[in-house]
PDB file of N, CA and C in Angstrom:
ATOM      1  N   UNK A   1       9.527  -8.507  24.475  1.00  0.00           N
ATOM      2  CA  UNK A   1      10.128  -8.831  23.187  1.00  0.00           C
ATOM      3  C   UNK A   1       9.136  -8.604  22.047  1.00  0.00           C
ATOM      4  N   UNK A   2       7.885  -8.975  22.282  1.00  0.00           N
ATOM      5  CA  UNK A   2       6.864  -8.814  21.246  1.00  0.00           C
ATOM      6  C   UNK A   2       6.703  -7.339  20.851  1.00  0.00           C
ATOM      7  N   UNK A   3       6.732  -6.445  21.837  1.00  0.00           N
ATOM      8  CA  UNK A   3       6.570  -5.024  21.547  1.00  0.00           C
ATOM      9  C   UNK A   3       7.696  -4.496  20.667  1.00  0.00           C
ATOM     10  N   UNK A   4       8.921  -4.971  20.907  1.00  0.00           N
ATOM     11  CA  UNK A   4      10.073  -4.548  20.097  1.00  0.00           C
ATOM     12  C   UNK A   4       9.909  -5.046  18.662  1.00  0.00           C
ATOM     13  N   UNK A   5       9.480  -6.295  18.501  1.00  0.00           N
ATOM     14  CA  UNK A   5       9.267  -6.846  17.162  1.00  0.00           C
ATOM     15  C   UNK A   5       8.132  -6.122  16.452  1.00  0.00           C
ATOM     16  N   UNK A   6       7.059  -5.835  17.184  1.00  0.00           N
ATOM     17  CA  UNK A   6       5.924  -5.121  16.609  1.00  0.00           C
ATOM     18  C   UNK A   6       6.342  -3.724  16.165  1.00  0.00           C
ATOM     19  N   UNK A   7       7.122  -3.046  16.989  1.00  0.00           N
ATOM     20  CA  UNK A   7       7.592  -1.706  16.647  1.00  0.00           C
ATOM     21  C   UNK A   7       8.457  -1.744  15.395  1.00  0.00           C
ATOM     22  N   UNK A   8       9.318  -2.755  15.275  1.00  0.00           N
ATOM     23  CA  UNK A   8      10.177  -2.862  14.102  1.00  0.00           C
ATOM     24  C   UNK A   8       9.340  -3.128  12.847  1.00  0.00           C
ATOM     25  N   UNK A   9       8.352  -4.002  12.971  1.00  0.00           N
ATOM     26  CA  UNK A   9       7.494  -4.297  11.821  1.00  0.00           C
ATOM     27  C   UNK A   9       6.705  -3.065  11.391  1.00  0.00           C
ATOM     28  N   UNK A  10       6.217  -2.299  12.340  1.00  0.00           N
ATOM     29  CA  UNK A  10       5.475  -1.075  12.008  1.00  0.00           C
ATOM     30  C   UNK A  10       6.388  -0.083  11.283  1.00  0.00           C
ATOM     31  N   UNK A  11       7.622   0.020  11.734  1.00  0.00           N
ATOM     32  CA  UNK A  11       8.571   0.935  11.077  1.00  0.00           C
ATOM     33  C   UNK A  11       8.871   0.461   9.659  1.00  0.00           C
ATOM     34  N   UNK A  12       9.010  -0.839   9.467  1.00  0.00           N
ATOM     35  CA  UNK A  12       9.250  -1.377   8.127  1.00  0.00           C
ATOM     36  C   UNK A  12       8.062  -1.090   7.210  1.00  0.00           C
ATOM     37  N   UNK A  13       6.863  -1.215   7.738  1.00  0.00           N
ATOM     38  CA  UNK A  13       5.661  -0.917   6.949  1.00  0.00           C
ATOM     39  C   UNK A  13       5.651   0.549   6.544  1.00  0.00           C
ATOM     40  N   UNK A  14       5.998   1.439   7.466  1.00  0.00           N
ATOM     41  CA  UNK A  14       6.034   2.877   7.143  1.00  0.00           C
ATOM     42  C   UNK A  14       7.045   3.158   6.025  1.00  0.00           C
ATOM     43  N   UNK A  15       8.195   2.521   6.112  1.00  0.00           N
ATOM     44  CA  UNK A  15       9.223   2.710   5.078  1.00  0.00           C
ATOM     45  C   UNK A  15       8.725   2.181   3.743  1.00  0.00           C
ATOM     46  N   UNK A  16       8.117   1.000   3.755  1.00  0.00           N
ATOM     47  CA  UNK A  16       7.576   0.438   2.510  1.00  0.00           C
ATOM     48  C   UNK A  16       6.472   1.312   1.930  1.00  0.00           C
ATOM     49  N   UNK A  17       5.649   1.909   2.779  1.00  0.00           N
ATOM     50  CA  UNK A  17       4.622   2.827   2.292  1.00  0.00           C
ATOM     51  C   UNK A  17       5.258   4.010   1.567  1.00  0.00           C
ATOM     52  N   UNK A  18       6.352   4.514   2.117  1.00  0.00           N
ATOM     53  CA  UNK A  18       7.045   5.618   1.468  1.00  0.00           C
ATOM     54  C   UNK A  18       7.614   5.217   0.118  1.00  0.00           C
ATOM     55  N   UNK A  19       8.164   4.010   0.044  1.00  0.00           N
ATOM     56  CA  UNK A  19       8.708   3.509  -1.226  1.00  0.00           C
ATOM     57  C   UNK A  19       7.586   3.345  -2.250  1.00  0.00           C
ATOM     58  N   UNK A  20       6.492   2.747  -1.821  1.00  0.00           N
ATOM     59  CA  UNK A  20       5.352   2.554  -2.728  1.00  0.00           C
ATOM     60  C   UNK A  20       4.823   3.899  -3.210  1.00  0.00           C
ATOM     61  N   UNK A  21       4.671   4.843  -2.301  1.00  0.00           N
ATOM     62  CA  UNK A  21       4.177   6.166  -2.695  1.00  0.00           C
ATOM     63  C   UNK A  21       5.110   6.828  -3.707  1.00  0.00           C
ATOM     64  N   UNK A  22       6.406   6.715  -3.488  1.00  0.00           N
ATOM     65  CA  UNK A  22       7.369   7.311  -4.418  1.00  0.00           C
ATOM     66  C   UNK A  22       7.250   6.668  -5.799  1.00  0.00           C
ATOM     67  N   UNK A  23       7.109   5.355  -5.833  1.00  0.00           N
ATOM     68  CA  UNK A  23       6.956   4.665  -7.122  1.00  0.00           C
ATOM     69  C   UNK A  23       5.654   5.044  -7.818  1.00  0.00           C
ATOM     70  N   UNK A  24       4.578   5.115  -7.060  1.00  0.00           N
ATOM     71  CA  UNK A  24       3.288   5.452  -7.655  1.00  0.00           C
ATOM     72  C   UNK A  24       3.272   6.876  -8.214  1.00  0.00           C
ATOM     73  N   UNK A  25       3.980   7.782  -7.552  1.00  0.00           N
ATOM     74  CA  UNK A  25       4.027   9.173  -8.049  1.00  0.00           C
ATOM     75  C   UNK A  25       4.727   9.267  -9.401  1.00  0.00           C
ATOM     76  N   UNK A  26       5.591   8.305  -9.693  1.00  0.00           N
ATOM     77  CA  UNK A  26       6.311   8.311 -10.963  1.00  0.00           C
ATOM     78  C   UNK A  26       5.455   7.803 -12.125  1.00  0.00           C
ATOM     79  N   UNK A  27       4.368   7.119 -11.818  1.00  0.00           N
ATOM     80  CA  UNK A  27       3.508   6.562 -12.868  1.00  0.00           C
ATOM     81  C   UNK A  27       2.512   7.604 -13.354  1.00  0.00           C
ATOM     82  N   UNK A  28       2.170   7.538 -14.631  1.00  0.00           N
ATOM     83  CA  UNK A  28       1.098   8.411 -15.123  1.00  0.00           C
ATOM     84  C   UNK A  28      -0.213   8.050 -14.427  1.00  0.00           C
ATOM     85  N   UNK A  29      -1.036   9.028 -14.174  1.00  0.00           N
ATOM     86  CA  UNK A  29      -2.318   8.826 -13.504  1.00  0.00           C
ATOM     87  C   UNK A  29      -3.150   7.767 -14.201  1.00  0.00           C
ATOM     88  N   UNK A  30      -3.050   7.700 -15.512  1.00  0.00           N
ATOM     89  CA  UNK A  30      -3.854   6.746 -16.276  1.00  0.00           C
ATOM     90  C   UNK A  30      -3.513   5.290 -15.935  1.00  0.00           C
ATOM     91  N   UNK A  31      -2.344   5.044 -15.377  1.00  0.00           N
ATOM     92  CA  UNK A  31      -1.938   3.676 -15.058  1.00  0.00           C
ATOM     93  C   UNK A  31      -2.242   3.275 -13.616  1.00  0.00           C
ATOM     94  N   UNK A  32      -2.656   4.220 -12.791  1.00  0.00           N
ATOM     95  CA  UNK A  32      -2.870   3.922 -11.384  1.00  0.00           C
ATOM     96  C   UNK A  32      -4.007   2.936 -11.155  1.00  0.00           C
ATOM     97  N   UNK A  33      -5.063   3.003 -11.956  1.00  0.00           N
ATOM     98  CA  UNK A  33      -6.168   2.051 -11.796  1.00  0.00           C
ATOM     99  C   UNK A  33      -5.713   0.628 -12.093  1.00  0.00           C
ATOM    100  N   UNK A  34      -4.850   0.461 -13.085  1.00  0.00           N
ATOM    101  CA  UNK A  34      -4.309  -0.873 -13.376  1.00  0.00           C
ATOM    102  C   UNK A  34      -3.475  -1.381 -12.205  1.00  0.00           C
ATOM    103  N   UNK A  35      -2.677  -0.504 -11.618  1.00  0.00           N
ATOM    104  CA  UNK A  35      -1.848  -0.888 -10.477  1.00  0.00           C
ATOM    105  C   UNK A  35      -2.740  -1.314  -9.320  1.00  0.00           C
ATOM    106  N   UNK A  36      -3.790  -0.548  -9.079  1.00  0.00           N
ATOM    107  CA  UNK A  36      -4.709  -0.891  -7.991  1.00  0.00           C
ATOM    108  C   UNK A  36      -5.379  -2.242  -8.250  1.00  0.00           C
ATOM    109  N   UNK A  37      -5.826  -2.478  -9.466  1.00  0.00           N
ATOM    110  CA  UNK A  37      -6.482  -3.742  -9.811  1.00  0.00           C
ATOM    111  C   UNK A  37      -5.531  -4.920  -9.586  1.00  0.00           C
ATOM    112  N   UNK A  38      -4.293  -4.768 -10.022  1.00  0.00           N
ATOM    113  CA  UNK A  38      -3.297  -5.828  -9.839  1.00  0.00           C
ATOM    114  C   UNK A  38      -3.042  -6.073  -8.351  1.00  0.00           C
ATOM    115  N   UNK A  39      -2.966  -5.002  -7.564  1.00  0.00           N
ATOM    116  CA  UNK A  39      -2.759  -5.137  -6.121  1.00  0.00           C
ATOM    117  C   UNK A  39      -3.929  -5.873  -5.471  1.00  0.00           C
ATOM    118  N   UNK A  40      -5.142  -5.572  -5.920  1.00  0.00           N
ATOM    119  CA  UNK A  40      -6.324  -6.259  -5.390  1.00  0.00           C
ATOM    120  C   UNK A  40      -6.266  -7.749  -5.729  1.00  0.00           C
ATOM    121  N   UNK A  41      -5.891  -8.075  -6.946  1.00  0.00           N
ATOM    122  CA  UNK A  41      -5.778  -9.475  -7.352  1.00  0.00           C
ATOM    123  C   UNK A  41      -4.708 -10.193  -6.526  1.00  0.00           C
ATOM    124  N   UNK A  42      -3.618  -9.525  -6.266  1.00  0.00           N
ATOM    125  CA  UNK A  42      -2.538 -10.087  -5.458  1.00  0.00           C
ATOM    126  C   UNK A  42      -3.040 -10.397  -4.050  1.00  0.00           C
ATOM    127  N   UNK A  43      -3.768  -9.449  -3.467  1.00  0.00           N
ATOM    128  CA  UNK A  43      -4.304  -9.640  -2.116  1.00  0.00           C
ATOM    129  C   UNK A  43      -5.287 -10.803  -2.072  1.00  0.00           C
ATOM    130  N   UNK A  44      -6.118 -10.927  -3.097  1.00  0.00           N
ATOM    131  CA  UNK A  44      -7.068 -12.040  -3.163  1.00  0.00           C
ATOM    132  C   UNK A  44      -6.304 -13.361  -3.190  1.00  0.00           C
ATOM    133  N   UNK A  45      -5.217 -13.399  -3.929  1.00  0.00           N
ATOM    134  CA  UNK A  45      -4.402 -14.612  -4.010  1.00  0.00           C
ATOM    135  C   UNK A  45      -3.843 -15.030  -2.660  1.00  0.00           C
ATOM    136  N   UNK A  46      -3.615 -14.065  -1.790  1.00  0.00           N
ATOM    137  CA  UNK A  46      -3.124 -14.361  -0.444  1.00  0.00           C
ATOM    138  C   UNK A  46      -4.249 -14.397   0.592  1.00  0.00           C
ATOM    139  N   UNK A  47      -5.472 -14.383   0.103  1.00  0.00           N
ATOM    140  CA  UNK A  47      -6.681 -14.477   0.946  1.00  0.00           C
ATOM    141  C   UNK A  47      -6.760 -13.383   1.989  1.00  0.00           C
ATOM    142  N   UNK A  48      -6.359 -12.166   1.615  1.00  0.00           N
ATOM    143  CA  UNK A  48      -6.505 -11.019   2.504  1.00  0.00           C
ATOM    144  C   UNK A  48      -7.965 -10.583   2.447  1.00  0.00           C
ATOM    145  N   UNK A  49      -8.534 -10.256   3.587  1.00  0.00           N
ATOM    146  CA  UNK A  49      -9.921  -9.815   3.659  1.00  0.00           C
ATOM    147  C   UNK A  49     -10.147  -8.629   2.718  1.00  0.00           C
ATOM    148  N   UNK A  50     -11.245  -8.661   1.997  1.00  0.00           N
ATOM    149  CA  UNK A  50     -11.543  -7.629   0.996  1.00  0.00           C
ATOM    150  C   UNK A  50     -11.647  -6.234   1.613  1.00  0.00           C
ATOM    151  N   UNK A  51     -12.240  -6.139   2.801  1.00  0.00           N
ATOM    152  CA  UNK A  51     -12.368  -4.830   3.457  1.00  0.00           C
ATOM    153  C   UNK A  51     -10.999  -4.278   3.860  1.00  0.00           C
ATOM    154  N   UNK A  52     -10.125  -5.136   4.337  1.00  0.00           N
ATOM    155  CA  UNK A  52      -8.780  -4.708   4.713  1.00  0.00           C
ATOM    156  C   UNK A  52      -8.026  -4.253   3.476  1.00  0.00           C
ATOM    157  N   UNK A  53      -8.134  -5.019   2.400  1.00  0.00           N
ATOM    158  CA  UNK A  53      -7.464  -4.655   1.148  1.00  0.00           C
ATOM    159  C   UNK A  53      -7.955  -3.310   0.646  1.00  0.00           C
ATOM    160  N   UNK A  54      -9.255  -3.140   0.622  1.00  0.00           N
ATOM    161  CA  UNK A  54      -9.840  -1.898   0.112  1.00  0.00           C
ATOM    162  C   UNK A  54      -9.381  -0.703   0.934  1.00  0.00           C
ATOM    163  N   UNK A  55      -9.432  -0.838   2.264  1.00  0.00           N
ATOM    164  CA  UNK A  55      -9.034   0.269   3.132  1.00  0.00           C
ATOM    165  C   UNK A  55      -7.550   0.587   2.973  1.00  0.00           C
ATOM    166  N   UNK A  56      -6.724  -0.454   2.889  1.00  0.00           N
ATOM    167  CA  UNK A  56      -5.284  -0.244   2.738  1.00  0.00           C
ATOM    168  C   UNK A  56      -4.964   0.437   1.409  1.00  0.00           C
ATOM    169  N   UNK A  57      -5.597  -0.017   0.335  1.00  0.00           N
ATOM    170  CA  UNK A  57      -5.332   0.583  -0.972  1.00  0.00           C
ATOM    171  C   UNK A  57      -5.852   2.019  -1.039  1.00  0.00           C
ATOM    172  N   UNK A  58      -7.004   2.267  -0.425  1.00  0.00           N
ATOM    173  CA  UNK A  58      -7.507   3.646  -0.364  1.00  0.00           C
ATOM    174  C   UNK A  58      -6.486   4.540   0.320  1.00  0.00           C
ATOM    175  N   UNK A  59      -5.932   4.057   1.425  1.00  0.00           N
ATOM    176  CA  UNK A  59      -4.937   4.833   2.169  1.00  0.00           C
ATOM    177  C   UNK A  59      -3.685   5.067   1.342  1.00  0.00           C
ATOM    178  N   UNK A  60      -3.200   4.031   0.676  1.00  0.00           N
ATOM    179  CA  UNK A  60      -1.995   4.154  -0.143  1.00  0.00           C
ATOM    180  C   UNK A  60      -2.206   5.147  -1.280  1.00  0.00           C
ATOM    181  N   UNK A  61      -3.316   5.013  -1.988  1.00  0.00           N
ATOM    182  CA  UNK A  61      -3.533   5.885  -3.138  1.00  0.00           C
ATOM    183  C   UNK A  61      -3.866   7.310  -2.715  1.00  0.00           C
ATOM    184  N   UNK A  62      -4.513   7.486  -1.557  1.00  0.00           N
ATOM    185  CA  UNK A  62      -4.764   8.838  -1.048  1.00  0.00           C
ATOM    186  C   UNK A  62      -3.447   9.507  -0.683  1.00  0.00           C
ATOM    187  N   UNK A  63      -2.572   8.753  -0.015  1.00  0.00           N
ATOM    188  CA  UNK A  63      -1.255   9.306   0.366  1.00  0.00           C
ATOM    189  C   UNK A  63      -0.440   9.677  -0.868  1.00  0.00           C
ATOM    190  N   UNK A  64      -0.576   8.894  -1.919  1.00  0.00           N
ATOM    191  CA  UNK A  64       0.171   9.176  -3.140  1.00  0.00           C
ATOM    192  C   UNK A  64      -0.180  10.563  -3.658  1.00  0.00           C
ATOM    193  N   UNK A  65      -1.451  10.901  -3.624  1.00  0.00           N
ATOM    194  CA  UNK A  65      -1.879  12.202  -4.135  1.00  0.00           C
ATOM    195  C   UNK A  65      -1.590  13.326  -3.149  1.00  0.00           C
ATOM    196  N   UNK A  66      -1.589  13.030  -1.851  1.00  0.00           N
ATOM    197  CA  UNK A  66      -1.341  14.063  -0.842  1.00  0.00           C
ATOM    198  C   UNK A  66       0.143  14.374  -0.694  1.00  0.00           C
ATOM    199  N   UNK A  67       0.999  13.403  -0.958  1.00  0.00           N
ATOM    200  CA  UNK A  67       2.437  13.585  -0.733  1.00  0.00           C
ATOM    201  C   UNK A  67       3.136  14.335  -1.862  1.00  0.00           C
ATOM    202  N   UNK A  68       2.447  14.600  -2.926  1.00  0.00           N
ATOM    203  CA  UNK A  68       3.102  15.244  -4.080  1.00  0.00           C
ATOM    204  C   UNK A  68       3.548  16.639  -3.729  1.00  0.00           C
TER     205      UNK A  68
END
């Protein structure tokens, strides 16, 4: 049962990554740093490890530029 739930959660994350990437591509490049800063502040508020946050945001913003 755990594997099925894990697989579903991973698929939801992939879909959300696609949505986030699509939204970020619509923003002017000049606003992306503000978005990243706000995302970092949000993660801090939820006590997400700084290294995990940094790596995740790097991946998201790299994908945004690669998916264009």
